[in-house]
Amino acid sequence: MLQTLERKTHIFDAQVLTAAQYDALRELADPAGLPMLDALRPSLDNGQIVGDFAGQEQLQIAAALLPLYAQDELPTRLRAAGFGADGQGAVLTPPLVRTNYTQLRNFLRLSLRWAIERYASYHVWAVQVLDFKNLPACEDLCAQYLSTGLTLRAVLPLQDTDGLVVYAARGLAHWREPLRRLHLNDPALPRVLERGYAAADFGWSNEGMELLVRPL
C-alpha cells in the first residue's frame, strides 16, 4: 500500500524500514534522540517505522506509526488522556529529521495518508514534544503539521518536557467563529483546548507563530 502511494507522489522513496536498517535510523538521530531509538527498536522489528531516503543513500527522515493498543509511552499516555481510549487506531511519533531537510511536510502527508488508509475509520493521531528553549523550532514543526491538514487538539503534560501536543489526523467538518489567537507557549492554551477548542490555522507575527483557536 505504501509503495502505491509513493508511486502516486513521484517525490519520495518512502518505505517501511526493516530491522536491518536500525543503524540508518541511529545515524539519523543526534545523541539526544538515542533513548527514543532504543524504545522504538521493537517497532522497527515489527515493521512500524516509516522512513524516507529521498533518492539518497542516507536516511533523511523517519517516524514510527504505533498502534494505540501498544504499551509504549506515547500510546499509553494518549489512552489515559482519552484519545483513542478503546485502543483502536494509531499514533505517529515525532519525526527524526536530518538537518536542513526541507520536505518534512510532504513526508508527513504521505505517512498520515498511509495511516488513515491502514486504520480506516479508527483514531489516527500525531504528536509533537514541546521544548520552549527551542521555541522557533517547535513553531516550525507545528506549522508543518498544521499545513499537512492535522488539527491541534490538546497539550498534555510530559515528564522532562514542556508538554506533548496532540494532533488529530482527520479535519473537522464544521468550524465556528475564531475565538482568539494563542502562542504555543501560552499557559492558557492547554486549558482552552480542554474546553472543546482546536486549532487548524495559524499565522505569523513579530512574536512568532499565532494559532487560530476555534470552538468545535
N, C-alpha and C. Protein backbone atom coordinates (compact mmCIF):
# COMPACT_ATOMS: atom_id res chain seq x y z
N MET A 1 0.83 -1.21 0.00
CA MET A 1 0.00 0.00 0.00
C MET A 1 0.86 1.26 0.00
N LEU A 2 1.90 1.26 0.87
CA LEU A 2 2.76 2.44 0.95
C LEU A 2 3.50 2.67 -0.36
N GLN A 3 3.95 1.57 -1.01
CA GLN A 3 4.65 1.72 -2.26
C GLN A 3 3.74 2.32 -3.32
N THR A 4 2.45 1.94 -3.30
CA THR A 4 1.49 2.50 -4.25
C THR A 4 1.35 4.00 -4.06
N LEU A 5 1.27 4.43 -2.80
CA LEU A 5 1.16 5.86 -2.53
C LEU A 5 2.41 6.59 -3.00
N GLU A 6 3.57 5.97 -2.82
CA GLU A 6 4.81 6.60 -3.24
C GLU A 6 4.84 6.80 -4.74
N ARG A 7 4.35 5.84 -5.50
CA ARG A 7 4.36 5.97 -6.94
C ARG A 7 3.46 7.11 -7.39
N LYS A 8 2.38 7.36 -6.64
CA LYS A 8 1.46 8.43 -7.00
C LYS A 8 2.11 9.80 -6.80
N THR A 9 2.97 9.94 -5.79
CA THR A 9 3.54 11.25 -5.50
C THR A 9 4.77 11.55 -6.36
N HIS A 10 5.54 10.53 -6.72
CA HIS A 10 6.76 10.70 -7.52
C HIS A 10 7.73 11.66 -6.82
N ILE A 11 7.70 11.67 -5.49
CA ILE A 11 8.56 12.57 -4.74
C ILE A 11 9.52 11.79 -3.84
N PHE A 12 9.04 10.74 -3.20
CA PHE A 12 9.79 10.10 -2.14
C PHE A 12 10.15 8.66 -2.44
N ASP A 13 11.16 8.20 -1.73
CA ASP A 13 11.50 6.79 -1.68
C ASP A 13 11.07 6.28 -0.32
N ALA A 14 9.83 6.58 0.05
CA ALA A 14 9.34 6.22 1.38
C ALA A 14 9.08 4.73 1.46
N GLN A 15 9.35 4.14 2.61
CA GLN A 15 9.18 2.71 2.78
C GLN A 15 9.09 2.38 4.25
N VAL A 16 8.59 1.18 4.54
CA VAL A 16 8.60 0.68 5.90
C VAL A 16 10.00 0.13 6.16
N LEU A 17 10.66 0.65 7.20
CA LEU A 17 12.02 0.22 7.49
C LEU A 17 12.03 -1.18 8.08
N THR A 18 13.11 -1.89 7.83
CA THR A 18 13.30 -3.23 8.37
C THR A 18 14.26 -3.19 9.54
N ALA A 19 14.32 -4.27 10.30
CA ALA A 19 15.23 -4.34 11.44
C ALA A 19 16.67 -4.17 11.01
N ALA A 20 16.98 -4.55 9.78
CA ALA A 20 18.35 -4.42 9.28
C ALA A 20 18.76 -2.96 9.09
N GLN A 21 17.80 -2.04 9.10
CA GLN A 21 18.09 -0.63 8.88
C GLN A 21 18.18 0.15 10.19
N TYR A 22 18.39 -0.54 11.29
CA TYR A 22 18.49 0.12 12.59
C TYR A 22 19.65 1.12 12.61
N ASP A 23 20.79 0.75 12.01
CA ASP A 23 21.94 1.65 12.00
C ASP A 23 21.63 2.93 11.24
N ALA A 24 20.85 2.83 10.16
CA ALA A 24 20.46 4.03 9.41
C ALA A 24 19.61 4.94 10.28
N LEU A 25 18.75 4.34 11.09
CA LEU A 25 17.91 5.12 12.00
C LEU A 25 18.76 5.77 13.08
N ARG A 26 19.75 5.04 13.59
CA ARG A 26 20.65 5.57 14.60
C ARG A 26 21.47 6.75 14.06
N GLU A 27 21.95 6.63 12.84
CA GLU A 27 22.74 7.70 12.23
C GLU A 27 21.91 8.95 11.99
N LEU A 28 20.61 8.76 11.79
CA LEU A 28 19.74 9.91 11.54
C LEU A 28 19.56 10.77 12.77
N ALA A 29 19.59 10.16 13.96
CA ALA A 29 19.32 10.88 15.20
C ALA A 29 20.58 11.47 15.78
N ASP A 30 20.42 12.62 16.48
CA ASP A 30 21.53 13.15 17.24
C ASP A 30 21.59 12.40 18.58
N PRO A 31 22.62 12.63 19.40
CA PRO A 31 22.72 11.87 20.65
C PRO A 31 21.48 11.96 21.53
N ALA A 32 20.78 13.09 21.51
CA ALA A 32 19.59 13.24 22.34
C ALA A 32 18.47 12.31 21.88
N GLY A 33 18.54 11.86 20.64
CA GLY A 33 17.48 11.01 20.13
C GLY A 33 17.69 9.54 20.37
N LEU A 34 18.88 9.15 20.86
CA LEU A 34 19.18 7.72 21.00
C LEU A 34 18.26 6.99 21.98
N PRO A 35 17.91 7.57 23.14
CA PRO A 35 16.95 6.85 24.00
C PRO A 35 15.64 6.55 23.29
N MET A 36 15.19 7.48 22.45
CA MET A 36 13.97 7.24 21.68
C MET A 36 14.16 6.06 20.73
N LEU A 37 15.35 5.97 20.14
CA LEU A 37 15.61 4.87 19.22
C LEU A 37 15.55 3.53 19.94
N ASP A 38 16.12 3.47 21.13
CA ASP A 38 16.08 2.22 21.89
C ASP A 38 14.64 1.81 22.17
N ALA A 39 13.79 2.79 22.48
CA ALA A 39 12.39 2.48 22.75
C ALA A 39 11.65 2.03 21.50
N LEU A 40 12.13 2.48 20.34
CA LEU A 40 11.45 2.14 19.09
C LEU A 40 11.98 0.86 18.45
N ARG A 41 12.98 0.24 19.05
CA ARG A 41 13.53 -0.96 18.44
C ARG A 41 12.46 -2.05 18.21
N PRO A 42 11.57 -2.34 19.16
CA PRO A 42 10.52 -3.32 18.87
C PRO A 42 9.64 -2.91 17.69
N SER A 43 9.40 -1.59 17.56
CA SER A 43 8.58 -1.12 16.44
C SER A 43 9.31 -1.35 15.12
N LEU A 44 10.63 -1.20 15.13
CA LEU A 44 11.41 -1.47 13.93
C LEU A 44 11.33 -2.95 13.57
N ASP A 45 11.43 -3.80 14.60
CA ASP A 45 11.33 -5.24 14.37
C ASP A 45 9.96 -5.62 13.82
N ASN A 46 8.92 -4.86 14.22
CA ASN A 46 7.55 -5.18 13.80
C ASN A 46 7.12 -4.44 12.54
N GLY A 47 8.04 -3.72 11.90
CA GLY A 47 7.70 -3.02 10.67
C GLY A 47 6.76 -1.86 10.85
N GLN A 48 6.92 -1.10 11.96
CA GLN A 48 6.03 0.01 12.25
C GLN A 48 6.70 1.37 12.07
N ILE A 49 7.89 1.40 11.46
CA ILE A 49 8.59 2.67 11.25
C ILE A 49 8.67 2.97 9.75
N VAL A 50 8.23 4.18 9.40
CA VAL A 50 8.27 4.64 8.02
C VAL A 50 9.50 5.52 7.86
N GLY A 51 10.27 5.29 6.81
CA GLY A 51 11.45 6.10 6.55
C GLY A 51 11.48 6.58 5.12
N ASP A 52 12.28 7.61 4.87
CA ASP A 52 12.39 8.17 3.52
C ASP A 52 13.85 8.46 3.22
N PHE A 53 14.34 7.86 2.15
CA PHE A 53 15.71 8.10 1.71
C PHE A 53 15.78 9.22 0.67
N ALA A 54 14.65 9.63 0.11
CA ALA A 54 14.57 10.75 -0.83
C ALA A 54 15.60 10.62 -1.95
N GLY A 55 15.75 9.39 -2.46
CA GLY A 55 16.66 9.17 -3.57
C GLY A 55 18.13 9.19 -3.19
N GLN A 56 18.45 9.17 -1.90
CA GLN A 56 19.83 9.21 -1.44
C GLN A 56 20.16 7.93 -0.68
N GLU A 57 21.44 7.71 -0.48
CA GLU A 57 21.86 6.53 0.25
C GLU A 57 21.58 6.67 1.74
N GLN A 58 21.63 7.90 2.25
CA GLN A 58 21.40 8.13 3.67
C GLN A 58 19.92 8.34 3.96
N LEU A 59 19.48 7.79 5.06
CA LEU A 59 18.11 8.00 5.50
C LEU A 59 17.91 9.47 5.86
N GLN A 60 16.86 10.10 5.33
CA GLN A 60 16.63 11.53 5.53
C GLN A 60 15.64 11.84 6.64
N ILE A 61 14.66 10.98 6.82
CA ILE A 61 13.61 11.25 7.80
C ILE A 61 12.92 9.93 8.14
N ALA A 62 12.43 9.82 9.37
CA ALA A 62 11.73 8.61 9.78
C ALA A 62 10.80 8.92 10.94
N ALA A 63 9.73 8.16 11.07
CA ALA A 63 8.79 8.28 12.18
C ALA A 63 8.13 6.93 12.38
N ALA A 64 7.70 6.65 13.60
CA ALA A 64 7.05 5.38 13.91
C ALA A 64 5.54 5.57 13.92
N LEU A 65 4.84 4.58 13.39
CA LEU A 65 3.39 4.55 13.44
C LEU A 65 3.00 3.46 14.43
N LEU A 66 2.72 3.85 15.68
CA LEU A 66 2.47 2.89 16.75
C LEU A 66 0.98 2.65 16.93
N PRO A 67 0.55 1.39 17.04
CA PRO A 67 -0.87 1.12 17.32
C PRO A 67 -1.23 1.65 18.71
N LEU A 68 -2.45 2.13 18.87
CA LEU A 68 -2.85 2.72 20.14
C LEU A 68 -2.95 1.70 21.26
N TYR A 69 -3.04 0.41 20.92
CA TYR A 69 -3.10 -0.60 21.97
C TYR A 69 -1.71 -0.96 22.49
N ALA A 70 -0.64 -0.44 21.86
CA ALA A 70 0.72 -0.77 22.28
C ALA A 70 0.99 -0.21 23.68
N GLN A 71 1.97 -0.80 24.36
CA GLN A 71 2.30 -0.38 25.71
C GLN A 71 3.41 0.67 25.75
N ASP A 72 3.82 1.18 24.57
CA ASP A 72 4.81 2.25 24.53
C ASP A 72 4.26 3.49 25.25
N GLU A 73 5.17 4.38 25.65
CA GLU A 73 4.78 5.55 26.44
C GLU A 73 3.76 6.42 25.73
N LEU A 74 3.96 6.70 24.44
CA LEU A 74 3.06 7.62 23.74
C LEU A 74 1.63 7.06 23.63
N PRO A 75 1.42 5.84 23.13
CA PRO A 75 0.05 5.32 23.07
C PRO A 75 -0.59 5.23 24.46
N THR A 76 0.20 4.84 25.45
CA THR A 76 -0.34 4.71 26.81
C THR A 76 -0.81 6.07 27.33
N ARG A 77 -0.02 7.10 27.09
CA ARG A 77 -0.38 8.44 27.56
C ARG A 77 -1.62 8.96 26.83
N LEU A 78 -1.72 8.69 25.54
CA LEU A 78 -2.90 9.12 24.79
C LEU A 78 -4.16 8.42 25.29
N ARG A 79 -4.06 7.12 25.52
CA ARG A 79 -5.24 6.39 26.02
C ARG A 79 -5.66 6.92 27.38
N ALA A 80 -4.69 7.20 28.24
CA ALA A 80 -5.01 7.70 29.58
C ALA A 80 -5.70 9.06 29.51
N ALA A 81 -5.38 9.85 28.49
CA ALA A 81 -5.99 11.17 28.34
C ALA A 81 -7.30 11.12 27.56
N GLY A 82 -7.72 9.92 27.13
CA GLY A 82 -9.00 9.78 26.43
C GLY A 82 -8.90 9.86 24.93
N PHE A 83 -7.70 9.93 24.38
CA PHE A 83 -7.52 9.97 22.93
C PHE A 83 -7.31 8.54 22.43
N GLY A 84 -8.36 7.95 21.89
CA GLY A 84 -8.27 6.55 21.46
C GLY A 84 -8.25 5.61 22.63
N ALA A 85 -9.10 5.88 23.63
CA ALA A 85 -9.10 5.07 24.84
C ALA A 85 -9.47 3.62 24.57
N ASP A 86 -10.16 3.34 23.45
CA ASP A 86 -10.51 1.97 23.12
C ASP A 86 -9.36 1.21 22.49
N GLY A 87 -8.23 1.89 22.26
CA GLY A 87 -7.05 1.23 21.72
C GLY A 87 -7.10 0.97 20.24
N GLN A 88 -8.10 1.51 19.55
CA GLN A 88 -8.23 1.29 18.11
C GLN A 88 -7.65 2.49 17.36
N GLY A 89 -6.69 2.23 16.48
CA GLY A 89 -6.07 3.30 15.72
C GLY A 89 -4.58 3.33 15.91
N ALA A 90 -3.98 4.50 15.68
CA ALA A 90 -2.52 4.60 15.73
C ALA A 90 -2.10 6.02 16.03
N VAL A 91 -0.83 6.16 16.43
CA VAL A 91 -0.24 7.48 16.67
C VAL A 91 1.09 7.56 15.93
N LEU A 92 1.33 8.67 15.22
CA LEU A 92 2.58 8.92 14.52
C LEU A 92 3.51 9.66 15.47
N THR A 93 4.68 9.09 15.74
CA THR A 93 5.62 9.71 16.67
C THR A 93 6.27 10.94 16.05
N PRO A 94 6.90 11.79 16.87
CA PRO A 94 7.64 12.92 16.30
C PRO A 94 8.70 12.41 15.33
N PRO A 95 8.89 13.09 14.21
CA PRO A 95 9.85 12.61 13.21
C PRO A 95 11.29 12.88 13.61
N LEU A 96 12.15 11.96 13.22
CA LEU A 96 13.59 12.19 13.27
C LEU A 96 13.98 12.72 11.91
N VAL A 97 14.57 13.92 11.86
CA VAL A 97 14.81 14.60 10.59
C VAL A 97 16.28 14.97 10.47
N ARG A 98 16.86 14.72 9.31
CA ARG A 98 18.24 15.14 9.05
C ARG A 98 18.26 16.67 8.96
N THR A 99 19.33 17.29 9.42
CA THR A 99 19.45 18.74 9.45
C THR A 99 19.17 19.35 8.07
N ASN A 100 18.37 20.43 8.07
CA ASN A 100 18.03 21.16 6.84
C ASN A 100 17.22 20.33 5.86
N TYR A 101 16.59 19.27 6.32
CA TYR A 101 15.73 18.51 5.43
C TYR A 101 14.46 19.31 5.19
N THR A 102 14.18 19.61 3.93
CA THR A 102 13.14 20.59 3.61
C THR A 102 11.81 19.99 3.17
N GLN A 103 11.69 18.66 3.14
CA GLN A 103 10.47 18.05 2.63
C GLN A 103 9.66 17.35 3.71
N LEU A 104 9.75 17.88 4.93
CA LEU A 104 9.05 17.27 6.05
C LEU A 104 7.55 17.22 5.81
N ARG A 105 6.97 18.31 5.30
CA ARG A 105 5.52 18.36 5.12
C ARG A 105 5.04 17.26 4.18
N ASN A 106 5.75 17.04 3.09
CA ASN A 106 5.33 16.00 2.16
C ASN A 106 5.47 14.61 2.77
N PHE A 107 6.53 14.41 3.56
CA PHE A 107 6.68 13.13 4.25
C PHE A 107 5.53 12.89 5.22
N LEU A 108 5.18 13.92 5.99
CA LEU A 108 4.08 13.79 6.93
C LEU A 108 2.77 13.50 6.20
N ARG A 109 2.54 14.20 5.10
CA ARG A 109 1.33 13.98 4.33
C ARG A 109 1.24 12.54 3.83
N LEU A 110 2.34 12.02 3.34
CA LEU A 110 2.37 10.65 2.84
C LEU A 110 2.15 9.65 3.98
N SER A 111 2.84 9.86 5.10
CA SER A 111 2.73 8.94 6.23
C SER A 111 1.33 8.94 6.82
N LEU A 112 0.73 10.12 6.93
CA LEU A 112 -0.61 10.21 7.51
C LEU A 112 -1.66 9.65 6.57
N ARG A 113 -1.48 9.84 5.27
CA ARG A 113 -2.41 9.25 4.31
C ARG A 113 -2.38 7.73 4.41
N TRP A 114 -1.17 7.21 4.54
CA TRP A 114 -1.00 5.77 4.71
C TRP A 114 -1.65 5.30 6.00
N ALA A 115 -1.46 6.07 7.10
CA ALA A 115 -2.04 5.69 8.39
C ALA A 115 -3.56 5.69 8.34
N ILE A 116 -4.13 6.71 7.71
CA ILE A 116 -5.60 6.80 7.63
C ILE A 116 -6.16 5.66 6.80
N GLU A 117 -5.49 5.31 5.70
CA GLU A 117 -5.97 4.19 4.89
C GLU A 117 -5.80 2.88 5.64
N ARG A 118 -4.70 2.74 6.35
CA ARG A 118 -4.41 1.49 7.06
C ARG A 118 -5.37 1.27 8.22
N TYR A 119 -5.73 2.36 8.91
CA TYR A 119 -6.58 2.22 10.09
C TYR A 119 -8.02 2.64 9.83
N ALA A 120 -8.37 2.84 8.57
CA ALA A 120 -9.75 3.07 8.14
C ALA A 120 -10.43 4.13 9.01
N SER A 121 -11.52 3.75 9.69
CA SER A 121 -12.31 4.73 10.42
C SER A 121 -11.85 4.89 11.87
N TYR A 122 -10.74 4.28 12.24
CA TYR A 122 -10.28 4.37 13.62
C TYR A 122 -9.53 5.69 13.87
N HIS A 123 -9.13 5.89 15.12
CA HIS A 123 -8.42 7.11 15.50
C HIS A 123 -7.03 7.13 14.89
N VAL A 124 -6.62 8.27 14.38
CA VAL A 124 -5.23 8.47 13.94
C VAL A 124 -4.77 9.81 14.52
N TRP A 125 -3.72 9.74 15.33
CA TRP A 125 -3.20 10.93 15.99
C TRP A 125 -1.74 11.12 15.61
N ALA A 126 -1.23 12.33 15.82
CA ALA A 126 0.19 12.62 15.68
C ALA A 126 0.58 13.47 16.88
N VAL A 127 1.83 13.39 17.28
CA VAL A 127 2.26 14.12 18.48
C VAL A 127 3.55 14.88 18.22
N GLN A 128 3.73 15.92 19.01
CA GLN A 128 4.93 16.76 18.96
C GLN A 128 5.35 17.08 20.38
N VAL A 129 6.62 16.94 20.69
CA VAL A 129 7.15 17.28 22.01
C VAL A 129 7.56 18.75 22.03
N LEU A 130 7.12 19.48 23.05
CA LEU A 130 7.43 20.90 23.17
C LEU A 130 8.72 21.12 23.95
N ASP A 131 9.51 22.06 23.48
CA ASP A 131 10.73 22.50 24.16
C ASP A 131 10.80 24.01 23.99
N PHE A 132 10.36 24.74 24.99
CA PHE A 132 10.26 26.19 24.86
C PHE A 132 11.63 26.87 24.77
N LYS A 133 12.70 26.18 25.14
CA LYS A 133 14.03 26.73 24.93
C LYS A 133 14.37 26.78 23.44
N ASN A 134 13.70 25.95 22.67
CA ASN A 134 13.87 25.93 21.21
C ASN A 134 12.52 26.21 20.55
N LEU A 135 11.87 27.30 21.00
CA LEU A 135 10.53 27.61 20.55
C LEU A 135 10.42 27.79 19.04
N PRO A 136 11.35 28.50 18.37
CA PRO A 136 11.21 28.63 16.91
C PRO A 136 11.16 27.30 16.19
N ALA A 137 11.96 26.33 16.64
CA ALA A 137 11.94 25.00 16.00
C ALA A 137 10.60 24.32 16.27
N CYS A 138 10.06 24.46 17.47
CA CYS A 138 8.75 23.88 17.78
C CYS A 138 7.65 24.52 16.94
N GLU A 139 7.73 25.83 16.76
CA GLU A 139 6.74 26.53 15.94
C GLU A 139 6.81 26.07 14.49
N ASP A 140 8.03 25.89 14.00
CA ASP A 140 8.19 25.46 12.62
C ASP A 140 7.60 24.07 12.41
N LEU A 141 7.85 23.16 13.34
CA LEU A 141 7.29 21.81 13.22
C LEU A 141 5.77 21.85 13.33
N CYS A 142 5.24 22.66 14.26
CA CYS A 142 3.80 22.80 14.39
C CYS A 142 3.19 23.32 13.10
N ALA A 143 3.84 24.30 12.47
CA ALA A 143 3.34 24.84 11.21
C ALA A 143 3.32 23.77 10.13
N GLN A 144 4.34 22.92 10.10
CA GLN A 144 4.37 21.83 9.13
C GLN A 144 3.23 20.84 9.38
N TYR A 145 2.99 20.53 10.65
CA TYR A 145 1.91 19.61 10.99
C TYR A 145 0.56 20.17 10.55
N LEU A 146 0.30 21.43 10.90
CA LEU A 146 -0.99 22.03 10.56
C LEU A 146 -1.16 22.16 9.05
N SER A 147 -0.07 22.48 8.34
CA SER A 147 -0.14 22.61 6.89
C SER A 147 -0.42 21.28 6.21
N THR A 148 -0.11 20.19 6.90
CA THR A 148 -0.39 18.86 6.38
C THR A 148 -1.86 18.53 6.47
N GLY A 149 -2.61 19.27 7.28
CA GLY A 149 -4.04 19.01 7.45
C GLY A 149 -4.39 18.49 8.83
N LEU A 150 -3.40 18.41 9.73
CA LEU A 150 -3.67 17.99 11.09
C LEU A 150 -4.41 19.09 11.85
N THR A 151 -5.12 18.71 12.90
CA THR A 151 -5.83 19.65 13.76
C THR A 151 -5.29 19.54 15.18
N LEU A 152 -4.80 20.64 15.73
CA LEU A 152 -4.25 20.63 17.08
C LEU A 152 -5.39 20.52 18.08
N ARG A 153 -5.35 19.47 18.94
CA ARG A 153 -6.47 19.20 19.82
C ARG A 153 -6.15 19.32 21.30
N ALA A 154 -4.88 19.13 21.70
CA ALA A 154 -4.59 19.15 23.14
C ALA A 154 -3.10 19.37 23.36
N VAL A 155 -2.78 19.84 24.57
CA VAL A 155 -1.40 19.88 25.07
C VAL A 155 -1.41 19.16 26.40
N LEU A 156 -0.71 18.01 26.47
CA LEU A 156 -0.70 17.18 27.66
C LEU A 156 0.62 17.30 28.40
N PRO A 157 0.62 17.07 29.73
CA PRO A 157 1.89 17.06 30.46
C PRO A 157 2.75 15.88 29.98
N LEU A 158 4.06 16.10 29.93
CA LEU A 158 5.00 15.04 29.59
C LEU A 158 6.28 15.30 30.36
N GLN A 159 6.70 14.32 31.14
CA GLN A 159 7.85 14.47 32.02
C GLN A 159 9.09 14.90 31.26
N ASP A 160 9.82 15.82 31.86
CA ASP A 160 11.10 16.33 31.32
C ASP A 160 10.92 17.13 30.04
N THR A 161 9.71 17.57 29.73
CA THR A 161 9.46 18.42 28.56
C THR A 161 8.50 19.52 28.98
N ASP A 162 8.19 20.40 28.03
CA ASP A 162 7.21 21.45 28.27
C ASP A 162 5.81 21.04 27.84
N GLY A 163 5.66 19.80 27.42
CA GLY A 163 4.34 19.32 27.06
C GLY A 163 4.36 18.47 25.80
N LEU A 164 3.25 17.81 25.56
CA LEU A 164 3.08 16.96 24.39
C LEU A 164 1.87 17.47 23.61
N VAL A 165 2.08 17.94 22.39
CA VAL A 165 0.99 18.43 21.56
C VAL A 165 0.36 17.25 20.83
N VAL A 166 -0.97 17.18 20.86
CA VAL A 166 -1.71 16.09 20.22
C VAL A 166 -2.49 16.66 19.05
N TYR A 167 -2.30 16.05 17.87
CA TYR A 167 -3.00 16.46 16.66
C TYR A 167 -3.90 15.32 16.19
N ALA A 168 -5.07 15.68 15.66
CA ALA A 168 -5.95 14.72 15.01
C ALA A 168 -5.65 14.71 13.52
N ALA A 169 -5.56 13.51 12.94
CA ALA A 169 -5.20 13.41 11.53
C ALA A 169 -6.37 13.76 10.62
N ARG A 170 -7.57 13.66 11.13
CA ARG A 170 -8.75 13.97 10.31
C ARG A 170 -9.24 15.38 10.65
N GLY A 171 -9.51 16.15 9.63
CA GLY A 171 -10.00 17.50 9.84
C GLY A 171 -11.44 17.51 10.34
N LEU A 172 -11.87 18.66 10.75
CA LEU A 172 -13.23 18.81 11.27
C LEU A 172 -14.13 19.40 10.20
N ALA A 173 -15.35 18.89 10.12
CA ALA A 173 -16.26 19.29 9.04
C ALA A 173 -16.78 20.71 9.23
N HIS A 174 -16.97 21.12 10.47
CA HIS A 174 -17.61 22.42 10.72
C HIS A 174 -16.81 23.20 11.77
N TRP A 175 -16.55 24.45 11.45
CA TRP A 175 -15.91 25.36 12.39
C TRP A 175 -16.87 26.49 12.73
N ARG A 176 -16.78 26.98 13.95
CA ARG A 176 -17.49 28.21 14.31
C ARG A 176 -16.50 29.37 14.27
N GLU A 177 -16.95 30.54 14.66
CA GLU A 177 -16.10 31.73 14.53
C GLU A 177 -14.84 31.61 15.39
N PRO A 178 -13.73 32.19 14.95
CA PRO A 178 -12.49 32.12 15.72
C PRO A 178 -12.67 32.68 17.13
N LEU A 179 -12.04 32.05 18.08
CA LEU A 179 -12.10 32.52 19.46
C LEU A 179 -11.00 33.56 19.73
N ARG A 180 -9.76 33.15 19.51
CA ARG A 180 -8.65 34.04 19.83
C ARG A 180 -7.39 33.47 19.20
N ARG A 181 -6.32 34.24 19.26
CA ARG A 181 -5.02 33.79 18.77
C ARG A 181 -4.13 33.51 19.98
N LEU A 182 -3.51 32.34 19.99
CA LEU A 182 -2.66 31.94 21.10
C LEU A 182 -1.32 31.42 20.57
N HIS A 183 -0.30 31.56 21.39
CA HIS A 183 1.02 31.04 21.03
C HIS A 183 1.21 29.66 21.65
N LEU A 184 2.13 28.88 21.08
CA LEU A 184 2.40 27.54 21.59
C LEU A 184 2.79 27.56 23.07
N ASN A 185 3.51 28.60 23.49
CA ASN A 185 3.97 28.67 24.88
C ASN A 185 3.03 29.47 25.77
N ASP A 186 1.83 29.76 25.31
CA ASP A 186 0.85 30.49 26.13
C ASP A 186 0.31 29.54 27.20
N PRO A 187 0.40 29.88 28.49
CA PRO A 187 -0.10 29.00 29.55
C PRO A 187 -1.59 28.71 29.42
N ALA A 188 -2.34 29.55 28.72
CA ALA A 188 -3.78 29.34 28.58
C ALA A 188 -4.13 28.29 27.53
N LEU A 189 -3.18 27.97 26.64
CA LEU A 189 -3.50 27.09 25.52
C LEU A 189 -4.03 25.72 25.96
N PRO A 190 -3.37 25.00 26.89
CA PRO A 190 -3.92 23.70 27.30
C PRO A 190 -5.33 23.79 27.86
N ARG A 191 -5.60 24.82 28.65
CA ARG A 191 -6.93 24.96 29.26
C ARG A 191 -8.00 25.26 28.22
N VAL A 192 -7.66 26.11 27.24
CA VAL A 192 -8.62 26.43 26.18
C VAL A 192 -8.96 25.18 25.37
N LEU A 193 -7.96 24.39 25.03
CA LEU A 193 -8.19 23.18 24.26
C LEU A 193 -9.02 22.17 25.05
N GLU A 194 -8.81 22.10 26.36
CA GLU A 194 -9.58 21.19 27.21
C GLU A 194 -11.07 21.54 27.19
N ARG A 195 -11.39 22.79 26.94
CA ARG A 195 -12.78 23.24 26.97
C ARG A 195 -13.50 23.04 25.64
N GLY A 196 -12.87 22.32 24.71
CA GLY A 196 -13.55 21.97 23.47
C GLY A 196 -13.18 22.83 22.29
N TYR A 197 -11.96 23.33 22.28
CA TYR A 197 -11.49 24.15 21.17
C TYR A 197 -10.36 23.41 20.45
N ALA A 198 -10.03 23.88 19.25
CA ALA A 198 -8.97 23.27 18.46
C ALA A 198 -8.38 24.32 17.54
N ALA A 199 -7.24 24.00 16.95
CA ALA A 199 -6.59 24.91 16.00
C ALA A 199 -6.20 24.15 14.75
N ALA A 200 -6.59 24.68 13.60
CA ALA A 200 -6.19 24.11 12.32
C ALA A 200 -5.52 25.16 11.44
N ASP A 201 -5.56 26.41 11.86
CA ASP A 201 -4.98 27.51 11.09
C ASP A 201 -3.96 28.25 11.96
N PHE A 202 -3.06 28.96 11.31
CA PHE A 202 -2.05 29.72 12.03
C PHE A 202 -1.60 30.90 11.17
N GLY A 203 -0.95 31.84 11.84
CA GLY A 203 -0.35 32.97 11.16
C GLY A 203 0.95 33.32 11.84
N TRP A 204 1.61 34.35 11.34
CA TRP A 204 2.89 34.76 11.92
C TRP A 204 2.84 36.24 12.28
N SER A 205 3.46 36.59 13.38
CA SER A 205 3.57 37.98 13.83
C SER A 205 5.00 38.22 14.30
N ASN A 206 5.26 39.41 14.81
CA ASN A 206 6.59 39.71 15.33
C ASN A 206 6.94 38.84 16.53
N GLU A 207 5.93 38.26 17.17
CA GLU A 207 6.16 37.42 18.34
C GLU A 207 6.23 35.94 17.98
N GLY A 208 6.17 35.62 16.69
CA GLY A 208 6.25 34.22 16.28
C GLY A 208 4.92 33.71 15.74
N MET A 209 4.74 32.39 15.78
CA MET A 209 3.54 31.78 15.24
C MET A 209 2.34 32.02 16.16
N GLU A 210 1.19 32.33 15.56
CA GLU A 210 -0.05 32.50 16.29
C GLU A 210 -1.04 31.43 15.84
N LEU A 211 -1.54 30.65 16.78
CA LEU A 211 -2.55 29.63 16.49
C LEU A 211 -3.92 30.27 16.49
N LEU A 212 -4.72 30.00 15.47
CA LEU A 212 -6.09 30.48 15.42
C LEU A 212 -6.97 29.42 16.06
N VAL A 213 -7.40 29.66 17.28
CA VAL A 213 -8.12 28.66 18.07
C VAL A 213 -9.62 28.91 17.95
N ARG A 214 -10.35 27.86 17.59
CA ARG A 214 -11.79 27.97 17.36
C ARG A 214 -12.54 26.94 18.19
N PRO A 215 -13.79 27.23 18.55
CA PRO A 215 -14.63 26.22 19.23
C PRO A 215 -15.07 25.15 18.24
N LEU A 216 -15.13 23.92 18.70
CA LEU A 216 -15.57 22.81 17.86
C LEU A 216 -17.08 22.85 17.68
